[in-house]
Amino acid sequence: MTDELVLYTNPMSRGRIARWMLEETGVPYRTELKTFGGTMKAPDYLSVNPMGKVPAISHGDTIVTECAAICAYLADTFPHTELAPRPNERARYYRWMFFTAGPLEASVTLRALGFEIPQERMRMAGCGSFGDVMGTLEKAVSVSDYIAGDRFTAADVYVGSHIGWGMSFGGIEKRQAFVDYFGRISEREAYKRATVIDEEAAKQMEAA
């Protein structure tokens, strides 16, 4: 496919997940940096993502928002990368991708906001308790080297990003299983390249 690929992001956002995924594909792309409360809310960007949030990607006339969807889309669109799941990996790939987008994201956010779900209303919360989420995630990353099996996939970009980011800011406990898992995947060259690019972008935006 020859359609231009564009990443809309801010280096201090979940856009780092999309950046890492793009670097894993090795496909050329262009970056448009957006500011919180500024260019993210401008009419031209709202035509890309009416939520006024990043990241988003455009690929020709196709627009994809939401980090999990971006990771899955890029893995499927560029099959030569072998980042999409093989048949025997699909169950774990989709399970933990959606677990991270749902229960993990929700429980970490609620905790960061200082909101504790009352025990008597726990059954109303799809994310469950923070403790149950952490225990489940710990088991998930302890079964094999990678989240879907014995090789790296797009699900590792998404799940791993949440774990790494969460441990950095205290939203996720530094359990040994998390430290070991993120240590493995953060050694990838694509992750290192993406980190350097985003750190440089952050400096540029601060200086502007």
N, C-alpha and C. Protein backbone atom coordinates (compact mmCIF):
# COMPACT_ATOMS: atom_id res chain seq x y z
N MET A 1 0.84 -1.18 0.00
CA MET A 1 0.00 0.00 0.00
C MET A 1 0.88 1.25 0.00
N THR A 2 0.52 2.25 -0.83
CA THR A 2 1.34 3.44 -0.96
C THR A 2 0.71 4.66 -0.31
N ASP A 3 -0.47 4.54 0.29
CA ASP A 3 -1.11 5.67 0.94
C ASP A 3 -0.24 6.19 2.06
N GLU A 4 -0.20 7.52 2.20
CA GLU A 4 0.61 8.13 3.26
C GLU A 4 0.09 7.73 4.63
N LEU A 5 1.02 7.44 5.52
CA LEU A 5 0.70 7.06 6.88
C LEU A 5 1.11 8.21 7.80
N VAL A 6 0.15 8.72 8.58
CA VAL A 6 0.41 9.87 9.44
C VAL A 6 0.06 9.51 10.88
N LEU A 7 0.95 9.86 11.81
CA LEU A 7 0.71 9.68 13.24
C LEU A 7 0.43 11.04 13.85
N TYR A 8 -0.71 11.16 14.52
CA TYR A 8 -1.07 12.36 15.27
C TYR A 8 -0.82 12.02 16.74
N THR A 9 0.03 12.79 17.38
CA THR A 9 0.45 12.38 18.72
C THR A 9 0.95 13.54 19.55
N ASN A 10 1.20 13.26 20.79
CA ASN A 10 1.92 14.13 21.71
C ASN A 10 2.87 13.21 22.46
N PRO A 11 4.14 13.60 22.62
CA PRO A 11 5.11 12.69 23.24
C PRO A 11 4.83 12.35 24.70
N MET A 12 3.94 13.12 25.34
CA MET A 12 3.58 12.82 26.72
C MET A 12 2.17 12.26 26.78
N SER A 13 1.92 11.30 25.94
CA SER A 13 0.58 10.71 25.86
C SER A 13 0.69 9.24 25.47
N ARG A 14 -0.48 8.60 25.35
CA ARG A 14 -0.52 7.22 24.88
C ARG A 14 -0.04 7.10 23.43
N GLY A 15 0.21 8.25 22.81
CA GLY A 15 0.77 8.24 21.46
C GLY A 15 2.09 7.49 21.38
N ARG A 16 2.76 7.35 22.52
CA ARG A 16 4.01 6.58 22.54
C ARG A 16 3.77 5.12 22.16
N ILE A 17 2.59 4.63 22.47
CA ILE A 17 2.27 3.25 22.10
C ILE A 17 2.21 3.13 20.58
N ALA A 18 1.49 4.07 19.95
CA ALA A 18 1.36 4.04 18.49
C ALA A 18 2.72 4.24 17.83
N ARG A 19 3.54 5.12 18.39
CA ARG A 19 4.88 5.35 17.83
C ARG A 19 5.70 4.05 17.86
N TRP A 20 5.66 3.37 18.98
CA TRP A 20 6.41 2.12 19.09
C TRP A 20 5.92 1.12 18.04
N MET A 21 4.61 1.02 17.91
CA MET A 21 4.06 0.08 16.94
C MET A 21 4.48 0.44 15.53
N LEU A 22 4.45 1.71 15.19
CA LEU A 22 4.89 2.13 13.86
C LEU A 22 6.35 1.81 13.62
N GLU A 23 7.18 2.01 14.64
CA GLU A 23 8.60 1.68 14.50
C GLU A 23 8.80 0.18 14.32
N GLU A 24 7.97 -0.62 14.94
CA GLU A 24 8.05 -2.07 14.76
C GLU A 24 7.75 -2.47 13.32
N THR A 25 6.84 -1.75 12.67
CA THR A 25 6.48 -2.12 11.29
C THR A 25 7.60 -1.77 10.31
N GLY A 26 8.36 -0.72 10.62
CA GLY A 26 9.40 -0.28 9.70
C GLY A 26 8.86 0.45 8.50
N VAL A 27 7.58 0.79 8.50
CA VAL A 27 6.93 1.47 7.38
C VAL A 27 7.10 2.98 7.54
N PRO A 28 7.43 3.71 6.47
CA PRO A 28 7.59 5.17 6.59
C PRO A 28 6.29 5.83 7.03
N TYR A 29 6.41 6.84 7.87
CA TYR A 29 5.23 7.58 8.32
C TYR A 29 5.64 9.01 8.64
N ARG A 30 4.66 9.89 8.67
CA ARG A 30 4.87 11.28 9.02
C ARG A 30 4.21 11.55 10.36
N THR A 31 4.79 12.47 11.13
CA THR A 31 4.25 12.79 12.45
C THR A 31 3.70 14.20 12.49
N GLU A 32 2.52 14.35 13.09
CA GLU A 32 1.97 15.67 13.40
C GLU A 32 1.79 15.74 14.91
N LEU A 33 2.56 16.63 15.55
CA LEU A 33 2.48 16.79 17.00
C LEU A 33 1.31 17.70 17.36
N LYS A 34 0.55 17.29 18.38
CA LYS A 34 -0.62 18.04 18.81
C LYS A 34 -0.46 18.45 20.27
N THR A 35 -0.99 19.62 20.61
CA THR A 35 -0.90 20.12 21.98
C THR A 35 -2.22 19.89 22.71
N PHE A 36 -2.12 19.59 24.01
CA PHE A 36 -3.30 19.38 24.83
C PHE A 36 -4.10 20.68 24.96
N GLY A 37 -5.39 20.60 24.69
CA GLY A 37 -6.24 21.76 24.83
C GLY A 37 -6.03 22.81 23.75
N GLY A 38 -5.07 22.57 22.85
CA GLY A 38 -4.77 23.50 21.77
C GLY A 38 -5.11 22.88 20.43
N THR A 39 -4.07 22.43 19.73
CA THR A 39 -4.31 21.88 18.39
C THR A 39 -5.07 20.56 18.41
N MET A 40 -5.14 19.88 19.57
CA MET A 40 -5.98 18.68 19.64
C MET A 40 -7.46 19.02 19.50
N LYS A 41 -7.82 20.27 19.86
CA LYS A 41 -9.21 20.68 19.82
C LYS A 41 -9.53 21.55 18.60
N ALA A 42 -8.54 21.72 17.72
CA ALA A 42 -8.75 22.54 16.52
C ALA A 42 -9.63 21.79 15.52
N PRO A 43 -10.41 22.52 14.72
CA PRO A 43 -11.34 21.88 13.78
C PRO A 43 -10.70 20.87 12.84
N ASP A 44 -9.49 21.16 12.37
CA ASP A 44 -8.88 20.23 11.42
C ASP A 44 -8.57 18.88 12.07
N TYR A 45 -8.17 18.91 13.36
CA TYR A 45 -7.90 17.63 14.01
C TYR A 45 -9.18 16.96 14.49
N LEU A 46 -10.17 17.74 14.87
CA LEU A 46 -11.45 17.14 15.26
C LEU A 46 -12.10 16.39 14.11
N SER A 47 -11.73 16.75 12.88
CA SER A 47 -12.23 16.00 11.73
C SER A 47 -11.57 14.63 11.64
N VAL A 48 -10.40 14.50 12.28
CA VAL A 48 -9.71 13.21 12.35
C VAL A 48 -10.25 12.42 13.55
N ASN A 49 -10.24 13.03 14.71
CA ASN A 49 -10.76 12.39 15.92
C ASN A 49 -11.66 13.37 16.66
N PRO A 50 -12.97 13.20 16.55
CA PRO A 50 -13.91 14.11 17.22
C PRO A 50 -13.73 14.17 18.73
N MET A 51 -13.05 13.18 19.32
CA MET A 51 -12.77 13.21 20.75
C MET A 51 -11.71 14.25 21.10
N GLY A 52 -10.96 14.70 20.11
CA GLY A 52 -9.89 15.66 20.38
C GLY A 52 -8.79 15.09 21.22
N LYS A 53 -8.51 13.81 21.02
CA LYS A 53 -7.47 13.12 21.78
C LYS A 53 -6.48 12.45 20.83
N VAL A 54 -5.30 12.16 21.34
CA VAL A 54 -4.30 11.41 20.59
C VAL A 54 -4.01 10.12 21.34
N PRO A 55 -3.49 9.13 20.60
CA PRO A 55 -3.08 9.18 19.21
C PRO A 55 -4.22 8.84 18.25
N ALA A 56 -3.92 9.14 17.00
CA ALA A 56 -4.73 8.68 15.87
C ALA A 56 -3.76 8.47 14.73
N ILE A 57 -4.15 7.67 13.79
CA ILE A 57 -3.37 7.55 12.56
C ILE A 57 -4.31 7.71 11.38
N SER A 58 -3.77 8.23 10.30
CA SER A 58 -4.49 8.21 9.03
C SER A 58 -3.63 7.45 8.04
N HIS A 59 -4.28 6.64 7.24
CA HIS A 59 -3.58 5.84 6.25
C HIS A 59 -4.36 5.99 4.95
N GLY A 60 -3.95 6.97 4.16
CA GLY A 60 -4.77 7.33 3.02
C GLY A 60 -6.07 7.92 3.54
N ASP A 61 -7.19 7.35 3.12
CA ASP A 61 -8.50 7.82 3.58
C ASP A 61 -8.97 7.12 4.85
N THR A 62 -8.18 6.20 5.35
CA THR A 62 -8.56 5.44 6.54
C THR A 62 -8.05 6.13 7.80
N ILE A 63 -8.92 6.26 8.79
CA ILE A 63 -8.54 6.84 10.07
C ILE A 63 -8.77 5.80 11.16
N VAL A 64 -7.80 5.66 12.04
CA VAL A 64 -7.92 4.73 13.17
C VAL A 64 -7.56 5.48 14.44
N THR A 65 -8.41 5.39 15.44
CA THR A 65 -8.12 5.94 16.77
C THR A 65 -8.11 4.78 17.75
N GLU A 66 -7.75 5.05 18.98
CA GLU A 66 -7.66 4.08 20.07
C GLU A 66 -6.43 3.19 19.88
N CYS A 67 -5.58 3.20 20.90
CA CYS A 67 -4.27 2.54 20.78
C CYS A 67 -4.35 1.06 20.43
N ALA A 68 -5.26 0.35 21.06
CA ALA A 68 -5.37 -1.08 20.76
C ALA A 68 -5.75 -1.30 19.31
N ALA A 69 -6.68 -0.47 18.82
CA ALA A 69 -7.11 -0.60 17.42
C ALA A 69 -5.98 -0.24 16.46
N ILE A 70 -5.20 0.77 16.81
CA ILE A 70 -4.06 1.16 15.97
C ILE A 70 -3.06 0.02 15.88
N CYS A 71 -2.73 -0.59 17.01
CA CYS A 71 -1.78 -1.71 17.01
C CYS A 71 -2.30 -2.87 16.16
N ALA A 72 -3.57 -3.22 16.35
CA ALA A 72 -4.14 -4.33 15.60
C ALA A 72 -4.22 -4.01 14.11
N TYR A 73 -4.62 -2.80 13.78
CA TYR A 73 -4.73 -2.39 12.38
C TYR A 73 -3.38 -2.48 11.67
N LEU A 74 -2.35 -1.93 12.30
CA LEU A 74 -1.03 -1.94 11.67
C LEU A 74 -0.49 -3.35 11.52
N ALA A 75 -0.74 -4.20 12.51
CA ALA A 75 -0.27 -5.59 12.42
C ALA A 75 -0.96 -6.31 11.27
N ASP A 76 -2.25 -6.07 11.10
CA ASP A 76 -3.00 -6.73 10.03
C ASP A 76 -2.70 -6.15 8.66
N THR A 77 -2.47 -4.84 8.61
CA THR A 77 -2.25 -4.16 7.33
C THR A 77 -0.87 -4.45 6.75
N PHE A 78 0.08 -4.70 7.63
CA PHE A 78 1.45 -4.99 7.19
C PHE A 78 1.86 -6.38 7.67
N PRO A 79 1.31 -7.42 7.04
CA PRO A 79 1.53 -8.79 7.52
C PRO A 79 2.98 -9.25 7.46
N HIS A 80 3.79 -8.58 6.62
CA HIS A 80 5.19 -8.99 6.52
C HIS A 80 5.93 -8.80 7.84
N THR A 81 5.38 -7.97 8.73
CA THR A 81 6.03 -7.72 10.02
C THR A 81 5.87 -8.90 10.97
N GLU A 82 4.89 -9.77 10.69
CA GLU A 82 4.57 -10.93 11.55
C GLU A 82 4.25 -10.50 12.98
N LEU A 83 3.58 -9.36 13.09
CA LEU A 83 3.16 -8.88 14.40
C LEU A 83 1.72 -9.25 14.72
N ALA A 84 0.99 -9.72 13.72
CA ALA A 84 -0.38 -10.20 13.93
C ALA A 84 -0.31 -11.62 14.49
N PRO A 85 -1.37 -12.07 15.14
CA PRO A 85 -1.32 -13.41 15.75
C PRO A 85 -1.46 -14.53 14.73
N ARG A 86 -0.76 -15.61 14.97
CA ARG A 86 -0.98 -16.84 14.22
C ARG A 86 -2.21 -17.52 14.81
N PRO A 87 -2.79 -18.47 14.08
CA PRO A 87 -4.03 -19.10 14.58
C PRO A 87 -3.96 -19.58 16.03
N ASN A 88 -2.86 -20.19 16.40
CA ASN A 88 -2.76 -20.72 17.77
C ASN A 88 -2.50 -19.64 18.81
N GLU A 89 -2.26 -18.40 18.36
CA GLU A 89 -1.99 -17.30 19.29
C GLU A 89 -3.18 -16.36 19.46
N ARG A 90 -4.20 -16.55 18.63
CA ARG A 90 -5.28 -15.56 18.59
C ARG A 90 -6.02 -15.41 19.91
N ALA A 91 -6.29 -16.51 20.56
CA ALA A 91 -7.07 -16.42 21.80
C ALA A 91 -6.36 -15.56 22.83
N ARG A 92 -5.09 -15.83 23.08
CA ARG A 92 -4.35 -15.05 24.08
C ARG A 92 -4.11 -13.63 23.60
N TYR A 93 -3.84 -13.47 22.32
CA TYR A 93 -3.60 -12.14 21.73
C TYR A 93 -4.80 -11.24 21.96
N TYR A 94 -5.98 -11.70 21.56
CA TYR A 94 -7.17 -10.87 21.72
C TYR A 94 -7.58 -10.75 23.18
N ARG A 95 -7.44 -11.81 23.93
CA ARG A 95 -7.84 -11.76 25.34
C ARG A 95 -7.09 -10.67 26.08
N TRP A 96 -5.77 -10.66 25.96
CA TRP A 96 -4.99 -9.73 26.77
C TRP A 96 -4.96 -8.34 26.17
N MET A 97 -5.14 -8.23 24.86
CA MET A 97 -5.28 -6.91 24.26
C MET A 97 -6.54 -6.22 24.81
N PHE A 98 -7.66 -6.94 24.80
CA PHE A 98 -8.91 -6.36 25.28
C PHE A 98 -8.94 -6.23 26.81
N PHE A 99 -8.30 -7.12 27.51
CA PHE A 99 -8.19 -7.00 28.97
C PHE A 99 -7.47 -5.71 29.33
N THR A 100 -6.43 -5.40 28.59
CA THR A 100 -5.66 -4.19 28.87
C THR A 100 -6.46 -2.95 28.52
N ALA A 101 -7.17 -2.98 27.39
CA ALA A 101 -7.99 -1.84 26.99
C ALA A 101 -9.18 -1.63 27.91
N GLY A 102 -9.64 -2.71 28.56
CA GLY A 102 -10.81 -2.64 29.43
C GLY A 102 -10.45 -2.60 30.90
N PRO A 103 -10.42 -3.75 31.57
CA PRO A 103 -10.19 -3.77 33.01
C PRO A 103 -8.91 -3.07 33.48
N LEU A 104 -7.80 -3.30 32.78
CA LEU A 104 -6.55 -2.70 33.25
C LEU A 104 -6.59 -1.18 33.16
N GLU A 105 -6.94 -0.68 31.99
CA GLU A 105 -7.00 0.78 31.80
C GLU A 105 -7.97 1.42 32.80
N ALA A 106 -9.13 0.82 32.94
CA ALA A 106 -10.15 1.40 33.83
C ALA A 106 -9.71 1.37 35.29
N SER A 107 -9.19 0.25 35.75
CA SER A 107 -8.83 0.13 37.16
C SER A 107 -7.66 1.04 37.52
N VAL A 108 -6.68 1.16 36.64
CA VAL A 108 -5.54 2.04 36.91
C VAL A 108 -5.99 3.50 36.93
N THR A 109 -6.87 3.86 36.00
CA THR A 109 -7.36 5.24 35.95
C THR A 109 -8.18 5.58 37.19
N LEU A 110 -9.08 4.68 37.58
CA LEU A 110 -9.89 4.93 38.77
C LEU A 110 -9.02 5.11 40.01
N ARG A 111 -8.00 4.28 40.13
CA ARG A 111 -7.10 4.36 41.28
C ARG A 111 -6.33 5.68 41.27
N ALA A 112 -5.87 6.09 40.09
CA ALA A 112 -5.12 7.35 39.98
C ALA A 112 -6.00 8.54 40.35
N LEU A 113 -7.30 8.44 40.09
CA LEU A 113 -8.24 9.51 40.42
C LEU A 113 -8.69 9.45 41.87
N GLY A 114 -8.20 8.44 42.59
CA GLY A 114 -8.55 8.32 44.00
C GLY A 114 -9.92 7.74 44.25
N PHE A 115 -10.44 7.03 43.26
CA PHE A 115 -11.78 6.46 43.41
C PHE A 115 -11.68 4.97 43.69
N GLU A 116 -12.27 4.56 44.80
CA GLU A 116 -12.31 3.15 45.16
C GLU A 116 -13.74 2.65 44.98
N ILE A 117 -13.90 1.56 44.26
CA ILE A 117 -15.23 1.00 44.04
C ILE A 117 -15.72 0.38 45.34
N PRO A 118 -16.88 0.80 45.84
CA PRO A 118 -17.41 0.20 47.07
C PRO A 118 -17.58 -1.31 46.90
N GLN A 119 -17.22 -2.07 47.90
CA GLN A 119 -17.27 -3.52 47.81
C GLN A 119 -18.66 -4.02 47.44
N GLU A 120 -19.69 -3.36 47.99
CA GLU A 120 -21.05 -3.82 47.72
C GLU A 120 -21.51 -3.52 46.30
N ARG A 121 -20.72 -2.70 45.57
CA ARG A 121 -21.06 -2.39 44.19
C ARG A 121 -20.05 -2.95 43.20
N MET A 122 -19.16 -3.78 43.68
CA MET A 122 -18.10 -4.32 42.84
C MET A 122 -18.65 -5.07 41.63
N ARG A 123 -19.78 -5.76 41.80
CA ARG A 123 -20.30 -6.54 40.69
C ARG A 123 -20.80 -5.67 39.54
N MET A 124 -21.00 -4.38 39.81
CA MET A 124 -21.41 -3.45 38.76
C MET A 124 -20.24 -3.00 37.90
N ALA A 125 -19.04 -3.15 38.41
CA ALA A 125 -17.84 -2.64 37.73
C ALA A 125 -17.24 -3.73 36.85
N GLY A 126 -17.27 -3.52 35.57
CA GLY A 126 -16.71 -4.50 34.65
C GLY A 126 -15.22 -4.73 34.84
N CYS A 127 -14.54 -3.72 35.38
CA CYS A 127 -13.09 -3.86 35.55
C CYS A 127 -12.73 -4.68 36.78
N GLY A 128 -13.68 -4.86 37.69
CA GLY A 128 -13.36 -5.60 38.91
C GLY A 128 -12.47 -4.78 39.83
N SER A 129 -11.90 -5.43 40.82
CA SER A 129 -11.06 -4.73 41.78
C SER A 129 -9.64 -4.56 41.25
N PHE A 130 -8.95 -3.54 41.75
CA PHE A 130 -7.57 -3.29 41.33
C PHE A 130 -6.69 -4.50 41.66
N GLY A 131 -6.89 -5.09 42.83
CA GLY A 131 -6.08 -6.24 43.22
C GLY A 131 -6.28 -7.42 42.29
N ASP A 132 -7.53 -7.68 41.91
CA ASP A 132 -7.81 -8.79 41.00
C ASP A 132 -7.19 -8.53 39.62
N VAL A 133 -7.23 -7.28 39.18
CA VAL A 133 -6.65 -6.92 37.88
C VAL A 133 -5.14 -7.15 37.90
N MET A 134 -4.47 -6.70 38.95
CA MET A 134 -3.02 -6.87 39.03
C MET A 134 -2.64 -8.35 39.11
N GLY A 135 -3.40 -9.11 39.87
CA GLY A 135 -3.11 -10.54 39.98
C GLY A 135 -3.30 -11.27 38.66
N THR A 136 -4.35 -10.89 37.95
CA THR A 136 -4.62 -11.52 36.65
C THR A 136 -3.54 -11.16 35.64
N LEU A 137 -3.14 -9.89 35.63
CA LEU A 137 -2.09 -9.45 34.71
C LEU A 137 -0.77 -10.13 35.03
N GLU A 138 -0.47 -10.28 36.29
CA GLU A 138 0.77 -10.94 36.70
C GLU A 138 0.82 -12.37 36.17
N LYS A 139 -0.29 -13.07 36.29
CA LYS A 139 -0.34 -14.44 35.76
C LYS A 139 -0.17 -14.45 34.24
N ALA A 140 -0.77 -13.48 33.58
CA ALA A 140 -0.72 -13.43 32.11
C ALA A 140 0.70 -13.30 31.58
N VAL A 141 1.51 -12.49 32.25
CA VAL A 141 2.88 -12.27 31.75
C VAL A 141 3.86 -13.30 32.30
N SER A 142 3.38 -14.22 33.12
CA SER A 142 4.26 -15.23 33.72
C SER A 142 4.20 -16.57 33.01
N VAL A 143 3.24 -16.73 32.10
CA VAL A 143 3.03 -18.01 31.43
C VAL A 143 4.11 -18.29 30.40
N SER A 144 4.52 -17.25 29.67
CA SER A 144 5.53 -17.41 28.61
C SER A 144 6.28 -16.09 28.47
N ASP A 145 7.27 -16.07 27.61
CA ASP A 145 8.07 -14.86 27.45
C ASP A 145 7.26 -13.69 26.93
N TYR A 146 6.27 -13.98 26.08
CA TYR A 146 5.46 -12.93 25.47
C TYR A 146 3.98 -13.18 25.76
N ILE A 147 3.17 -12.16 25.61
CA ILE A 147 1.79 -12.23 26.08
C ILE A 147 0.94 -13.24 25.31
N ALA A 148 1.26 -13.48 24.04
CA ALA A 148 0.46 -14.42 23.24
C ALA A 148 1.14 -15.77 23.05
N GLY A 149 2.35 -15.89 23.58
CA GLY A 149 3.07 -17.16 23.40
C GLY A 149 4.57 -16.98 23.46
N ASP A 150 5.25 -17.61 22.53
CA ASP A 150 6.72 -17.62 22.56
C ASP A 150 7.37 -16.61 21.62
N ARG A 151 6.56 -15.73 21.02
CA ARG A 151 7.15 -14.72 20.15
C ARG A 151 6.43 -13.38 20.36
N PHE A 152 7.12 -12.33 19.97
CA PHE A 152 6.62 -10.96 20.13
C PHE A 152 5.54 -10.66 19.11
N THR A 153 4.45 -10.02 19.56
CA THR A 153 3.37 -9.60 18.67
C THR A 153 2.94 -8.18 19.02
N ALA A 154 1.99 -7.68 18.24
CA ALA A 154 1.46 -6.35 18.51
C ALA A 154 0.85 -6.25 19.90
N ALA A 155 0.34 -7.36 20.41
CA ALA A 155 -0.24 -7.34 21.75
C ALA A 155 0.81 -6.99 22.80
N ASP A 156 2.06 -7.36 22.56
CA ASP A 156 3.12 -7.01 23.50
C ASP A 156 3.39 -5.51 23.49
N VAL A 157 3.26 -4.90 22.31
CA VAL A 157 3.42 -3.45 22.26
C VAL A 157 2.39 -2.78 23.14
N TYR A 158 1.15 -3.22 23.02
CA TYR A 158 0.05 -2.58 23.75
C TYR A 158 0.08 -2.91 25.24
N VAL A 159 0.12 -4.19 25.57
CA VAL A 159 0.14 -4.59 26.97
C VAL A 159 1.43 -4.10 27.65
N GLY A 160 2.54 -4.30 26.97
CA GLY A 160 3.82 -3.90 27.54
C GLY A 160 3.93 -2.40 27.79
N SER A 161 3.36 -1.61 26.88
CA SER A 161 3.40 -0.16 27.07
C SER A 161 2.66 0.25 28.33
N HIS A 162 1.52 -0.37 28.56
CA HIS A 162 0.76 -0.04 29.77
C HIS A 162 1.54 -0.44 31.03
N ILE A 163 2.18 -1.58 30.97
CA ILE A 163 2.95 -2.02 32.14
C ILE A 163 4.14 -1.10 32.38
N GLY A 164 4.89 -0.80 31.33
CA GLY A 164 6.06 0.05 31.48
C GLY A 164 5.70 1.46 31.94
N TRP A 165 4.70 2.04 31.30
CA TRP A 165 4.26 3.38 31.65
C TRP A 165 3.70 3.39 33.08
N GLY A 166 2.91 2.36 33.39
CA GLY A 166 2.30 2.27 34.72
C GLY A 166 3.33 2.17 35.83
N MET A 167 4.35 1.35 35.62
CA MET A 167 5.40 1.22 36.64
C MET A 167 6.18 2.51 36.79
N SER A 168 6.38 3.23 35.70
CA SER A 168 7.14 4.47 35.75
C SER A 168 6.46 5.53 36.61
N PHE A 169 5.13 5.55 36.56
CA PHE A 169 4.38 6.59 37.25
C PHE A 169 3.64 6.08 38.49
N GLY A 170 3.88 4.83 38.85
CA GLY A 170 3.31 4.31 40.07
C GLY A 170 1.90 3.78 39.97
N GLY A 171 1.35 3.77 38.77
CA GLY A 171 -0.01 3.26 38.59
C GLY A 171 -0.09 1.75 38.63
N ILE A 172 1.03 1.10 38.32
CA ILE A 172 1.11 -0.35 38.33
C ILE A 172 2.25 -0.76 39.26
N GLU A 173 1.97 -1.71 40.11
CA GLU A 173 2.96 -2.17 41.08
C GLU A 173 4.16 -2.80 40.38
N LYS A 174 5.34 -2.60 40.95
CA LYS A 174 6.56 -3.15 40.36
C LYS A 174 6.77 -4.58 40.84
N ARG A 175 5.84 -5.44 40.46
CA ARG A 175 6.01 -6.85 40.77
C ARG A 175 7.09 -7.42 39.86
N GLN A 176 7.81 -8.44 40.34
CA GLN A 176 8.93 -8.96 39.59
C GLN A 176 8.53 -9.46 38.21
N ALA A 177 7.35 -10.05 38.11
CA ALA A 177 6.89 -10.55 36.81
C ALA A 177 6.73 -9.41 35.82
N PHE A 178 6.26 -8.26 36.27
CA PHE A 178 6.11 -7.10 35.39
C PHE A 178 7.47 -6.53 34.99
N VAL A 179 8.37 -6.45 35.96
CA VAL A 179 9.71 -5.94 35.70
C VAL A 179 10.42 -6.82 34.67
N ASP A 180 10.32 -8.12 34.85
CA ASP A 180 10.99 -9.06 33.94
C ASP A 180 10.39 -8.99 32.54
N TYR A 181 9.07 -8.96 32.47
CA TYR A 181 8.40 -8.91 31.17
C TYR A 181 8.75 -7.64 30.41
N PHE A 182 8.61 -6.51 31.07
CA PHE A 182 8.91 -5.25 30.38
C PHE A 182 10.39 -5.15 30.05
N GLY A 183 11.23 -5.73 30.89
CA GLY A 183 12.66 -5.73 30.61
C GLY A 183 12.98 -6.44 29.31
N ARG A 184 12.26 -7.54 29.04
CA ARG A 184 12.48 -8.28 27.78
C ARG A 184 12.07 -7.45 26.58
N ILE A 185 10.86 -6.92 26.61
CA ILE A 185 10.36 -6.27 25.40
C ILE A 185 10.96 -4.89 25.17
N SER A 186 11.41 -4.24 26.23
CA SER A 186 11.99 -2.91 26.07
C SER A 186 13.41 -2.94 25.52
N GLU A 187 13.95 -4.13 25.32
CA GLU A 187 15.26 -4.27 24.69
C GLU A 187 15.15 -4.25 23.16
N ARG A 188 13.95 -4.24 22.64
CA ARG A 188 13.76 -4.23 21.19
C ARG A 188 14.23 -2.90 20.60
N GLU A 189 14.85 -2.98 19.43
CA GLU A 189 15.38 -1.78 18.78
C GLU A 189 14.28 -0.79 18.44
N ALA A 190 13.12 -1.30 18.04
CA ALA A 190 12.00 -0.41 17.69
C ALA A 190 11.56 0.40 18.90
N TYR A 191 11.54 -0.22 20.07
CA TYR A 191 11.16 0.49 21.29
C TYR A 191 12.18 1.59 21.59
N LYS A 192 13.45 1.26 21.45
CA LYS A 192 14.51 2.24 21.73
C LYS A 192 14.43 3.41 20.75
N ARG A 193 14.19 3.12 19.47
CA ARG A 193 14.07 4.20 18.48
C ARG A 193 12.88 5.09 18.80
N ALA A 194 11.76 4.47 19.11
CA ALA A 194 10.55 5.24 19.41
C ALA A 194 10.75 6.13 20.62
N THR A 195 11.44 5.61 21.63
CA THR A 195 11.69 6.38 22.84
C THR A 195 12.56 7.60 22.55
N VAL A 196 13.59 7.41 21.77
CA VAL A 196 14.47 8.53 21.41
C VAL A 196 13.70 9.59 20.64
N ILE A 197 12.89 9.17 19.68
CA ILE A 197 12.10 10.12 18.88
C ILE A 197 11.15 10.92 19.77
N ASP A 198 10.46 10.24 20.67
CA ASP A 198 9.50 10.93 21.52
C ASP A 198 10.17 11.83 22.55
N GLU A 199 11.30 11.42 23.07
CA GLU A 199 12.02 12.28 24.01
C GLU A 199 12.49 13.56 23.33
N GLU A 200 12.95 13.43 22.10
CA GLU A 200 13.39 14.61 21.35
C GLU A 200 12.20 15.51 21.03
N ALA A 201 11.08 14.90 20.67
CA ALA A 201 9.87 15.68 20.38
C ALA A 201 9.40 16.43 21.62
N ALA A 202 9.51 15.79 22.78
CA ALA A 202 9.10 16.42 24.03
C ALA A 202 9.96 17.66 24.30
N LYS A 203 11.25 17.55 24.06
CA LYS A 203 12.15 18.69 24.25
C LYS A 203 11.80 19.84 23.32
N GLN A 204 11.50 19.50 22.07
CA GLN A 204 11.15 20.52 21.09
C GLN A 204 9.86 21.24 21.48
N MET A 205 8.89 20.50 21.98
CA MET A 205 7.63 21.11 22.36
C MET A 205 7.78 21.98 23.60
N GLU A 206 8.64 21.59 24.52
CA GLU A 206 8.90 22.40 25.71
C GLU A 206 9.58 23.70 25.35
N ALA A 207 10.47 23.64 24.33
CA ALA A 207 11.22 24.83 23.93
C ALA A 207 10.40 25.79 23.07
N ALA A 208 9.32 25.27 22.49
CA ALA A 208 8.52 26.10 21.57
C ALA A 208 7.72 27.16 22.33
